[in-house]
C-alpha atoms as a PDB file:
ATOM      1  CA  MET A   1       3.346 -28.656 -10.677  1.00  0.00           C
ATOM      2  CA  THR A   2      -0.012 -27.171  -9.614  1.00  0.00           C
ATOM      3  CA  ARG A   3      -2.087 -30.033  -8.149  1.00  0.00           C
ATOM      4  CA  GLN A   4      -5.581 -30.788 -10.006  1.00  0.00           C
ATOM      5  CA  PRO A   5      -9.088 -29.180  -9.406  1.00  0.00           C
ATOM      6  CA  PHE A   6     -11.010 -31.378  -6.890  1.00  0.00           C
ATOM      7  CA  PRO A   7     -14.604 -30.953  -5.518  1.00  0.00           C
ATOM      8  CA  PRO A   8     -14.088 -29.100  -2.107  1.00  0.00           C
ATOM      9  CA  ARG A   9     -15.984 -30.397   0.897  1.00  0.00           C
ATOM     10  CA  SER A  10     -14.734 -28.004   3.336  1.00  0.00           C
ATOM     11  CA  LEU A  11     -14.665 -24.244   2.564  1.00  0.00           C
ATOM     12  CA  ALA A  12     -13.855 -20.996   4.441  1.00  0.00           C
ATOM     13  CA  ILE A  13     -15.631 -17.550   3.511  1.00  0.00           C
ATOM     14  CA  ALA A  14     -13.289 -14.893   4.595  1.00  0.00           C
ATOM     15  CA  ARG A  15     -14.796 -11.405   4.397  1.00  0.00           C
ATOM     16  CA  HIS A  16     -13.580  -7.972   4.341  1.00  0.00           C
ATOM     17  CA  PRO A  17     -14.647  -6.675   7.845  1.00  0.00           C
ATOM     18  CA  THR A  18     -16.420  -3.326   6.717  1.00  0.00           C
ATOM     19  CA  MET A  19     -17.124  -3.384   2.954  1.00  0.00           C
ATOM     20  CA  GLU A  20     -20.825  -2.944   2.365  1.00  0.00           C
ATOM     21  CA  GLY A  21     -22.632  -6.129   1.519  1.00  0.00           C
ATOM     22  CA  ALA A  22     -19.779  -8.298   2.522  1.00  0.00           C
ATOM     23  CA  GLU A  23     -21.467  -9.815   5.859  1.00  0.00           C
ATOM     24  CA  GLU A  24     -24.869 -10.193   3.951  1.00  0.00           C
ATOM     25  CA  LEU A  25     -23.137 -12.090   1.088  1.00  0.00           C
ATOM     26  CA  ALA A  26     -21.051 -14.328   3.719  1.00  0.00           C
ATOM     27  CA  VAL A  27     -24.348 -15.533   5.418  1.00  0.00           C
ATOM     28  CA  GLU A  28     -26.056 -16.042   2.026  1.00  0.00           C
ATOM     29  CA  LEU A  29     -23.178 -18.198   0.822  1.00  0.00           C
ATOM     30  CA  GLY A  30     -22.843 -20.116   4.181  1.00  0.00           C
ATOM     31  CA  ALA A  31     -26.581 -20.917   3.991  1.00  0.00           C
ATOM     32  CA  TYR A  32     -25.961 -22.219   0.392  1.00  0.00           C
ATOM     33  CA  PHE A  33     -22.941 -24.508   1.386  1.00  0.00           C
ATOM     34  CA  SER A  34     -24.745 -25.720   4.744  1.00  0.00           C
ATOM     35  CA  GLU A  35     -28.012 -26.816   2.241  1.00  0.00           C
ATOM     36  CA  ARG A  36     -25.488 -29.058   0.277  1.00  0.00           C
ATOM     37  CA  ASN A  37     -23.940 -30.763   3.473  1.00  0.00           C
ATOM     38  CA  LEU A  38     -20.681 -29.015   2.970  1.00  0.00           C
ATOM     39  CA  ASN A  39     -18.472 -28.027   6.169  1.00  0.00           C
ATOM     40  CA  VAL A  40     -18.415 -24.076   6.017  1.00  0.00           C
ATOM     41  CA  ALA A  41     -17.227 -21.448   8.253  1.00  0.00           C
ATOM     42  CA  GLN A  42     -17.634 -17.817   7.736  1.00  0.00           C
ATOM     43  CA  ALA A  43     -16.112 -14.719   9.489  1.00  0.00           C
ATOM     44  CA  SER A  44     -14.040 -11.575   8.885  1.00  0.00           C
ATOM     45  CA  LEU A  45     -10.547 -12.412   7.267  1.00  0.00           C
ATOM     46  CA  TYR A  46      -9.213 -11.309  10.140  1.00  0.00           C
ATOM     47  CA  ASP A  47     -11.094 -13.197  12.628  1.00  0.00           C
ATOM     48  CA  ASP A  48      -8.513 -15.253  14.871  1.00  0.00           C
ATOM     49  CA  ASP A  49     -10.479 -18.418  15.168  1.00  0.00           C
ATOM     50  CA  LEU A  50     -10.949 -18.590  11.406  1.00  0.00           C
ATOM     51  CA  ARG A  51      -7.265 -17.728  10.834  1.00  0.00           C
ATOM     52  CA  ARG A  52      -6.409 -20.413  12.903  1.00  0.00           C
ATOM     53  CA  ARG A  53      -8.602 -22.952  11.112  1.00  0.00           C
ATOM     54  CA  VAL A  54      -7.270 -22.050   7.950  1.00  0.00           C
ATOM     55  CA  GLN A  55      -3.563 -22.362   9.062  1.00  0.00           C
ATOM     56  CA  ALA A  56      -4.613 -25.822  10.614  1.00  0.00           C
ATOM     57  CA  GLY A  57      -5.531 -27.141   7.256  1.00  0.00           C
ATOM     58  CA  GLU A  58      -9.325 -27.427   7.800  1.00  0.00           C
ATOM     59  CA  PHE A  59     -10.458 -26.006   4.774  1.00  0.00           C
ATOM     60  CA  GLU A  60     -10.058 -26.794   0.859  1.00  0.00           C
ATOM     61  CA  ILE A  61     -10.772 -23.526  -0.595  1.00  0.00           C
ATOM     62  CA  VAL A  62     -11.155 -20.090   0.862  1.00  0.00           C
ATOM     63  CA  ILE A  63     -13.459 -17.789  -0.557  1.00  0.00           C
ATOM     64  CA  ALA A  64     -12.565 -14.105  -0.244  1.00  0.00           C
ATOM     65  CA  LEU A  65     -15.214 -11.404  -0.192  1.00  0.00           C
ATOM     66  CA  GLY A  66     -14.064  -7.845  -0.994  1.00  0.00           C
ATOM     67  CA  GLY A  67     -11.651  -6.253  -3.297  1.00  0.00           C
ATOM     68  CA  ASP A  68      -8.160  -6.735  -4.715  1.00  0.00           C
ATOM     69  CA  GLY A  69      -6.748  -5.823  -0.926  1.00  0.00           C
ATOM     70  CA  THR A  70      -8.597  -8.594   0.321  1.00  0.00           C
ATOM     71  CA  MET A  71      -7.258 -11.031  -2.074  1.00  0.00           C
ATOM     72  CA  LEU A  72      -3.763 -10.022  -0.879  1.00  0.00           C
ATOM     73  CA  ARG A  73      -4.663 -10.475   2.526  1.00  0.00           C
ATOM     74  CA  ALA A  74      -5.962 -13.961   1.602  1.00  0.00           C
ATOM     75  CA  GLY A  75      -2.981 -14.765   0.011  1.00  0.00           C
ATOM     76  CA  HIS A  76      -0.741 -14.040   2.816  1.00  0.00           C
ATOM     77  CA  LEU A  77      -2.955 -16.208   4.995  1.00  0.00           C
ATOM     78  CA  CYS A  78      -3.221 -19.295   2.278  1.00  0.00           C
ATOM     79  CA  ALA A  79      -0.211 -19.372   0.375  1.00  0.00           C
ATOM     80  CA  PRO A  80       1.929 -21.164   3.022  1.00  0.00           C
ATOM     81  CA  LEU A  81      -0.692 -23.937   3.408  1.00  0.00           C
ATOM     82  CA  GLY A  82      -1.324 -24.042  -0.382  1.00  0.00           C
ATOM     83  CA  VAL A  83      -5.053 -23.324   0.042  1.00  0.00           C
ATOM     84  CA  PRO A  84      -6.475 -21.799  -3.231  1.00  0.00           C
ATOM     85  CA  ILE A  85      -8.531 -18.781  -3.091  1.00  0.00           C
ATOM     86  CA  LEU A  86     -11.797 -17.881  -4.896  1.00  0.00           C
ATOM     87  CA  GLY A  87     -12.508 -14.117  -4.902  1.00  0.00           C
ATOM     88  CA  ILE A  88     -15.747 -12.506  -5.337  1.00  0.00           C
ATOM     89  CA  ASN A  89     -15.688  -9.043  -6.072  1.00  0.00           C
ATOM     90  CA  LEU A  90     -17.318  -6.193  -3.914  1.00  0.00           C
ATOM     91  CA  GLY A  91     -14.821  -3.633  -4.542  1.00  0.00           C
ATOM     92  CA  ARG A  92     -14.215  -1.526  -7.522  1.00  0.00           C
ATOM     93  CA  LEU A  93     -11.846  -2.952  -9.852  1.00  0.00           C
ATOM     94  CA  GLY A  94     -10.830  -6.499  -8.768  1.00  0.00           C
ATOM     95  CA  PHE A  95      -7.668  -7.098 -11.184  1.00  0.00           C
ATOM     96  CA  LEU A  96      -7.117 -10.266  -8.837  1.00  0.00           C
ATOM     97  CA  ILE A  97     -10.798 -11.405  -8.588  1.00  0.00           C
ATOM     98  CA  GLU A  98     -12.627 -14.193 -10.455  1.00  0.00           C
ATOM     99  CA  VAL A  99     -16.537 -13.694  -9.848  1.00  0.00           C
ATOM    100  CA  LYS A 100     -18.633 -10.453  -9.444  1.00  0.00           C
ATOM    101  CA  GLY A 101     -20.705 -10.016  -6.406  1.00  0.00           C
ATOM    102  CA  ASP A 102     -24.095 -10.321  -8.063  1.00  0.00           C
ATOM    103  CA  ASP A 103     -23.129 -13.574 -10.302  1.00  0.00           C
ATOM    104  CA  TRP A 104     -21.836 -15.999  -7.651  1.00  0.00           C
ATOM    105  CA  ARG A 105     -24.148 -18.847  -7.915  1.00  0.00           C
ATOM    106  CA  PRO A 106     -23.226 -20.294 -11.331  1.00  0.00           C
ATOM    107  CA  ALA A 107     -19.542 -19.772 -10.404  1.00  0.00           C
ATOM    108  CA  ILE A 108     -19.846 -21.670  -6.982  1.00  0.00           C
ATOM    109  CA  ASP A 109     -21.752 -24.561  -8.802  1.00  0.00           C
ATOM    110  CA  ARG A 110     -18.497 -24.813 -10.973  1.00  0.00           C
ATOM    111  CA  VAL A 111     -16.310 -24.784  -8.075  1.00  0.00           C
ATOM    112  CA  LEU A 112     -18.316 -27.260  -6.344  1.00  0.00           C
ATOM    113  CA  ALA A 113     -18.066 -29.667  -9.563  1.00  0.00           C
ATOM    114  CA  ALA A 114     -14.422 -29.237  -9.859  1.00  0.00           C
ATOM    115  CA  ASP A 115     -15.020 -27.101 -13.294  1.00  0.00           C
ATOM    116  CA  TYR A 116     -11.945 -24.607 -12.622  1.00  0.00           C
ATOM    117  CA  TRP A 117      -8.432 -24.435 -12.757  1.00  0.00           C
ATOM    118  CA  LEU A 118      -5.726 -23.179 -10.402  1.00  0.00           C
ATOM    119  CA  GLU A 119      -3.434 -20.277 -11.277  1.00  0.00           C
ATOM    120  CA  PRO A 120      -0.134 -19.943  -9.351  1.00  0.00           C
ATOM    121  CA  ARG A 121       1.107 -16.576  -8.437  1.00  0.00           C
ATOM    122  CA  MET A 122       4.677 -16.331  -7.527  1.00  0.00           C
ATOM    123  CA  MET A 123       5.208 -14.271  -4.341  1.00  0.00           C
ATOM    124  CA  LEU A 124       8.572 -12.708  -2.721  1.00  0.00           C
ATOM    125  CA  SER A 125      10.218 -12.772   0.518  1.00  0.00           C
ATOM    126  CA  ALA A 126      11.493  -9.394   1.969  1.00  0.00           C
ATOM    127  CA  GLN A 127      13.604  -8.960   4.811  1.00  0.00           C
ATOM    128  CA  GLN A 128      14.650  -5.931   6.838  1.00  0.00           C
ATOM    129  CA  LEU A 129      18.128  -5.856   8.090  1.00  0.00           C
ATOM    130  CA  ARG A 130      19.828  -3.231  10.328  1.00  0.00           C
ATOM    131  CA  GLU A 131      23.687  -3.466  10.837  1.00  0.00           C
ATOM    132  CA  GLY A 132      23.238  -6.976   9.346  1.00  0.00           C
ATOM    133  CA  VAL A 133      20.597  -8.115  12.045  1.00  0.00           C
ATOM    134  CA  PRO A 134      17.393  -9.172  10.552  1.00  0.00           C
ATOM    135  CA  LEU A 135      14.365  -7.196  12.239  1.00  0.00           C
ATOM    136  CA  GLY A 136      11.430  -8.819  10.428  1.00  0.00           C
ATOM    137  CA  GLY A 137      10.439 -10.807   7.309  1.00  0.00           C
ATOM    138  CA  TRP A 138       7.467 -11.182   5.046  1.00  0.00           C
ATOM    139  CA  ASP A 139       5.796 -12.736   2.170  1.00  0.00           C
ATOM    140  CA  VAL A 140       4.814 -10.450  -0.559  1.00  0.00           C
ATOM    141  CA  LEU A 141       2.426 -10.932  -3.363  1.00  0.00           C
ATOM    142  CA  ASN A 142       2.242  -7.569  -4.862  1.00  0.00           C
ATOM    143  CA  GLU A 143       5.201  -5.436  -4.094  1.00  0.00           C
ATOM    144  CA  CYS A 144       7.055  -3.988  -1.268  1.00  0.00           C
ATOM    145  CA  VAL A 145       7.974  -0.251  -1.411  1.00  0.00           C
ATOM    146  CA  VAL A 146      10.951   1.525   0.004  1.00  0.00           C
ATOM    147  CA  GLY A 147      10.495   5.060   0.215  1.00  0.00           C
ATOM    148  CA  ARG A 148      10.302   8.266   1.740  1.00  0.00           C
ATOM    149  CA  GLY A 149       8.150   8.925   5.104  1.00  0.00           C
ATOM    150  CA  ALA A 150       5.844  11.823   5.857  1.00  0.00           C
ATOM    151  CA  ILE A 151       8.364  14.331   5.163  1.00  0.00           C
ATOM    152  CA  VAL A 152       7.898  15.138   1.347  1.00  0.00           C
ATOM    153  CA  ARG A 153      11.732  14.811   0.490  1.00  0.00           C
ATOM    154  CA  PRO A 154      13.167  12.253  -1.692  1.00  0.00           C
ATOM    155  CA  VAL A 155      15.461   9.408  -0.218  1.00  0.00           C
ATOM    156  CA  HIS A 156      18.759   8.009  -1.483  1.00  0.00           C
ATOM    157  CA  LEU A 157      18.362   4.239  -2.417  1.00  0.00           C
ATOM    158  CA  THR A 158      21.107   2.214  -3.272  1.00  0.00           C
ATOM    159  CA  ALA A 159      20.029  -0.857  -5.277  1.00  0.00           C
ATOM    160  CA  GLU A 160      22.171  -4.069  -5.590  1.00  0.00           C
ATOM    161  CA  ILE A 161      21.281  -7.098  -8.020  1.00  0.00           C
ATOM    162  CA  ASP A 162      22.636 -10.415  -6.970  1.00  0.00           C
ATOM    163  CA  GLY A 163      25.318  -8.545  -4.676  1.00  0.00           C
ATOM    164  CA  ARG A 164      26.452  -6.456  -7.315  1.00  0.00           C
ATOM    165  CA  HIS A 165      25.644  -2.346  -7.334  1.00  0.00           C
ATOM    166  CA  LEU A 166      23.150  -1.458  -9.742  1.00  0.00           C
ATOM    167  CA  THR A 167      22.503   2.369  -9.284  1.00  0.00           C
ATOM    168  CA  THR A 168      21.472   4.895  -6.451  1.00  0.00           C
ATOM    169  CA  TYR A 169      18.103   6.175  -6.893  1.00  0.00           C
ATOM    170  CA  VAL A 170      17.131   9.573  -5.899  1.00  0.00           C
ATOM    171  CA  ALA A 171      13.274   9.012  -5.477  1.00  0.00           C
ATOM    172  CA  ASP A 172      10.309   9.110  -3.437  1.00  0.00           C
ATOM    173  CA  ALA A 173      10.519   5.308  -3.581  1.00  0.00           C
ATOM    174  CA  LEU A 174      11.503   2.062  -5.245  1.00  0.00           C
ATOM    175  CA  ILE A 175       9.038  -0.619  -6.021  1.00  0.00           C
ATOM    176  CA  VAL A 176      10.020  -4.360  -5.992  1.00  0.00           C
ATOM    177  CA  ALA A 177       7.122  -6.111  -7.430  1.00  0.00           C
ATOM    178  CA  THR A 178       5.885  -9.408  -8.808  1.00  0.00           C
ATOM    179  CA  ALA A 179       4.111 -10.009 -12.010  1.00  0.00           C
ATOM    180  CA  THR A 180       0.897  -9.924  -9.945  1.00  0.00           C
ATOM    181  CA  GLY A 181       1.977  -6.337  -8.544  1.00  0.00           C
ATOM    182  CA  SER A 182       2.838  -4.983 -12.089  1.00  0.00           C
ATOM    183  CA  THR A 183      -0.844  -4.123 -12.382  1.00  0.00           C
ATOM    184  CA  ALA A 184      -0.769  -2.264  -9.061  1.00  0.00           C
ATOM    185  CA  TYR A 185       1.388   0.441  -7.727  1.00  0.00           C
ATOM    186  CA  ALA A 186       4.169  -0.397 -10.177  1.00  0.00           C
ATOM    187  CA  LEU A 187       1.941   0.522 -13.245  1.00  0.00           C
ATOM    188  CA  ALA A 188       0.745   3.662 -11.596  1.00  0.00           C
ATOM    189  CA  ALA A 189       4.260   4.499 -11.342  1.00  0.00           C
ATOM    190  CA  GLY A 190       4.974   3.876 -15.193  1.00  0.00           C
ATOM    191  CA  GLY A 191       6.006   0.099 -15.141  1.00  0.00           C
ATOM    192  CA  PRO A 192       5.266  -2.404 -17.653  1.00  0.00           C
ATOM    193  CA  ILE A 193       2.523  -4.969 -17.324  1.00  0.00           C
ATOM    194  CA  LEU A 194       3.763  -8.582 -16.978  1.00  0.00           C
ATOM    195  CA  PRO A 195       1.571 -11.580 -17.500  1.00  0.00           C
ATOM    196  CA  PRO A 196       0.867 -13.242 -14.245  1.00  0.00           C
ATOM    197  CA  GLN A 197       2.296 -16.659 -14.929  1.00  0.00           C
ATOM    198  CA  LEU A 198       5.895 -15.016 -15.128  1.00  0.00           C
ATOM    199  CA  ARG A 199       8.180 -15.501 -12.281  1.00  0.00           C
ATOM    200  CA  ASN A 200      10.081 -12.351 -12.758  1.00  0.00           C
ATOM    201  CA  ILE A 201      10.909  -9.356 -10.099  1.00  0.00           C
ATOM    202  CA  LEU A 202      10.268  -5.882 -11.323  1.00  0.00           C
ATOM    203  CA  LEU A 203      12.061  -2.631 -10.084  1.00  0.00           C
ATOM    204  CA  VAL A 204      10.222   0.590 -10.738  1.00  0.00           C
ATOM    205  CA  PRO A 205      11.413   3.841  -9.180  1.00  0.00           C
ATOM    206  CA  VAL A 206       8.762   6.341  -7.947  1.00  0.00           C
ATOM    207  CA  ALA A 207       9.437   9.972  -9.088  1.00  0.00           C
ATOM    208  CA  PRO A 208      13.266   9.713  -9.690  1.00  0.00           C
ATOM    209  CA  HIS A 209      15.332  12.943  -9.700  1.00  0.00           C
ATOM    210  CA  LEU A 210      18.220  12.864 -11.934  1.00  0.00           C
ATOM    211  CA  SER A 211      18.463   9.207 -11.576  1.00  0.00           C
ATOM    212  CA  VAL A 212      17.611   6.044 -13.670  1.00  0.00           C
ATOM    213  CA  ASP A 213      13.950   6.448 -14.581  1.00  0.00           C
ATOM    214  CA  ARG A 214      13.249   3.336 -16.406  1.00  0.00           C
ATOM    215  CA  ALA A 215      11.808  -0.184 -15.051  1.00  0.00           C
ATOM    216  CA  ILE A 216      14.045  -3.068 -15.029  1.00  0.00           C
ATOM    217  CA  VAL A 217      12.687  -6.462 -15.132  1.00  0.00           C
ATOM    218  CA  LEU A 218      14.863  -9.078 -13.232  1.00  0.00           C
ATOM    219  CA  ASP A 219      15.003 -13.088 -13.586  1.00  0.00           C
ATOM    220  CA  GLU A 220      13.235 -15.259 -10.821  1.00  0.00           C
ATOM    221  CA  GLY A 221      16.593 -16.552  -9.306  1.00  0.00           C
ATOM    222  CA  SER A 222      17.923 -12.756  -8.688  1.00  0.00           C
ATOM    223  CA  TRP A 223      17.765 -10.926  -5.497  1.00  0.00           C
ATOM    224  CA  VAL A 224      17.521  -7.530  -4.774  1.00  0.00           C
ATOM    225  CA  ARG A 225      19.222  -5.392  -1.914  1.00  0.00           C
ATOM    226  CA  VAL A 226      18.075  -1.740  -1.236  1.00  0.00           C
ATOM    227  CA  THR A 227      19.938   0.360   1.461  1.00  0.00           C
ATOM    228  CA  VAL A 228      18.548   3.314   2.508  1.00  0.00           C
ATOM    229  CA  ARG A 229      20.535   6.762   2.802  1.00  0.00           C
ATOM    230  CA  THR A 230      18.637   9.431   4.292  1.00  0.00           C
ATOM    231  CA  ASP A 231      18.812  12.150   7.266  1.00  0.00           C
ATOM    232  CA  HIS A 232      14.824  12.144   7.438  1.00  0.00           C
ATOM    233  CA  GLN A 233      11.958   9.685   7.474  1.00  0.00           C
ATOM    234  CA  ALA A 234      11.922   6.623   5.382  1.00  0.00           C
ATOM    235  CA  SER A 235       9.623   3.711   5.185  1.00  0.00           C
ATOM    236  CA  LEU A 236       8.892   0.156   4.123  1.00  0.00           C
ATOM    237  CA  SER A 237       5.349  -0.912   2.972  1.00  0.00           C
ATOM    238  CA  ILE A 238       4.440  -4.590   2.238  1.00  0.00           C
ATOM    239  CA  ASP A 239       1.401  -5.061   0.003  1.00  0.00           C
ATOM    240  CA  GLY A 240      -0.268  -1.639   0.879  1.00  0.00           C
ATOM    241  CA  GLN A 241      -0.082  -2.326   4.590  1.00  0.00           C
ATOM    242  CA  ALA A 242       0.811   0.247   7.156  1.00  0.00           C
ATOM    243  CA  PRO A 243       4.436   1.482   6.577  1.00  0.00           C
ATOM    244  CA  LEU A 244       7.260   0.602   8.954  1.00  0.00           C
ATOM    245  CA  LYS A 245       9.850   2.966   9.686  1.00  0.00           C
ATOM    246  CA  LEU A 246      13.496   2.730   8.226  1.00  0.00           C
ATOM    247  CA  GLU A 247      16.403   4.231   9.458  1.00  0.00           C
ATOM    248  CA  ASP A 248      19.726   5.462   7.474  1.00  0.00           C
ATOM    249  CA  GLY A 249      21.911   2.412   6.447  1.00  0.00           C
ATOM    250  CA  ASP A 250      18.923  -0.133   6.848  1.00  0.00           C
ATOM    251  CA  GLN A 251      18.749  -2.532   4.071  1.00  0.00           C
ATOM    252  CA  VAL A 252      15.748  -4.410   2.758  1.00  0.00           C
ATOM    253  CA  ASP A 253      16.557  -7.802   0.869  1.00  0.00           C
ATOM    254  CA  VAL A 254      13.983  -9.002  -1.786  1.00  0.00           C
ATOM    255  CA  ARG A 255      14.179 -12.360  -3.463  1.00  0.00           C
ATOM    256  CA  ALA A 256      11.662 -14.944  -5.016  1.00  0.00           C
ATOM    257  CA  GLY A 257       9.775 -16.488  -2.022  1.00  0.00           C
ATOM    258  CA  LYS A 258       9.187 -20.297  -1.145  1.00  0.00           C
ATOM    259  CA  HIS A 259       5.499 -19.756  -1.287  1.00  0.00           C
ATOM    260  CA  THR A 260       2.946 -19.692  -4.060  1.00  0.00           C
ATOM    261  CA  THR A 261      -0.671 -18.447  -3.942  1.00  0.00           C
ATOM    262  CA  LEU A 262      -3.091 -20.256  -5.851  1.00  0.00           C
ATOM    263  CA  PHE A 263      -6.018 -18.512  -7.308  1.00  0.00           C
ATOM    264  CA  VAL A 264      -9.163 -20.436  -8.469  1.00  0.00           C
ATOM    265  CA  ARG A 265     -10.066 -19.487 -12.121  1.00  0.00           C
ATOM    266  CA  LEU A 266     -13.336 -20.191 -14.086  1.00  0.00           C
ATOM    267  CA  GLN A 267     -12.457 -18.333 -17.228  1.00  0.00           C
ATOM    268  CA  ASP A 268      -9.932 -19.497 -19.970  1.00  0.00           C
ATOM    269  CA  PRO A 269      -6.369 -18.439 -19.544  1.00  0.00           C
ATOM    270  CA  GLY A 270      -6.763 -15.307 -21.899  1.00  0.00           C
ATOM    271  CA  TYR A 271      -8.815 -13.860 -19.372  1.00  0.00           C
ATOM    272  CA  PHE A 272      -5.976 -11.539 -18.067  1.00  0.00           C
ATOM    273  CA  TYR A 273      -5.766  -9.470 -21.323  1.00  0.00           C
ATOM    274  CA  ARG A 274      -9.778  -9.244 -21.386  1.00  0.00           C
ATOM    275  CA  ASN A 275      -9.852  -7.966 -17.778  1.00  0.00           C
ATOM    276  CA  LEU A 276      -6.881  -5.578 -18.424  1.00  0.00           C
ATOM    277  CA  THR A 277      -8.421  -3.955 -21.355  1.00  0.00           C
ATOM    278  CA  TRP A 278     -11.705  -3.570 -19.253  1.00  0.00           C
ATOM    279  CA  GLY A 279      -9.981  -2.233 -16.663  1.00  0.00           C
ATOM    280  CA  ILE A 280      -8.105   0.295 -18.209  1.00  0.00           C
ATOM    281  CA  HIS A 281     -11.310   1.449 -20.177  1.00  0.00           C
ATOM    282  CA  ARG A 282     -13.229   1.372 -16.945  1.00  0.00           C
ATOM    283  CA  ASN A 283     -10.648   3.748 -15.298  1.00  0.00           C
ATOM    284  CA  PRO A 284     -12.542   3.646 -11.763  1.00  0.00           C
ATOM    285  CA  SER A 285     -12.124   6.856  -9.537  1.00  0.00           C
ATOM    286  CA  PRO A 286      -9.520   6.316  -6.950  1.00  0.00           C
ATOM    287  CA  GLY A 287     -10.426   4.926  -3.668  1.00  0.00           C
ATOM    288  CA  LEU A 288      -9.099   2.610  -0.914  1.00  0.00           C
ATOM    289  CA  ARG A 289      -8.268  -0.598  -1.923  1.00  0.00           C
ATOM    290  CA  GLY A 290     -10.243  -3.574  -0.571  1.00  0.00           C
END
């Protein structure tokens, strides 16, 4: 059960390291909190000292300044500790973010008065194996993508559900996503939009060739194994991060993770559909995710 809101006394401001306006807003927010005698720290999201302090449980809420990519990285940092995240949008779209960059004061005052609610978002756990030996494991908030590398040729991806063969995709990639990730790459690939509170796993093939071309929604308790069959490059990408090289026969196992990301919300629970409609109508020009 999600814990009740509380008036935070200790906050971290984690900003995108290069986004325009992020550093200035971080300083402004830091001063705002200091004037109210709150414990506050502000730095780049990738600052080692700030990350150590968050991981040590020093802060009750993390404020992420950037775009949806910043929220994903903040989720990776905060979810294992159960630390809630409030996003302030400095990017283009901000499906995951609560507050606009130029409207932060009333939002922050509500947070300090505990006038908010906490929205849990399911995460996945992904593991790469080679000949049965684990090579790495990751928490996933949006999606993991198993697909081709730089060579523009499809790969063969055999998918198993709960240990049973499902199909072999011949495709550019296979996306394994959360409900959160259903509005990201999976949506661009033609997948369905899932409400954020659902704890399902979504499979979406990318550019399938003469193979299954429909998305599949799995129960939370299911697990997926994707086996790569290729004589050229293949890769694994977690939440849009730099891809990892996969070899022929490598397997990627994905299942519901043990961590949950908590987002601070100020709008009523129907916000998701309003924001979704606004985002679709806005149709921003493509660019790097924040």
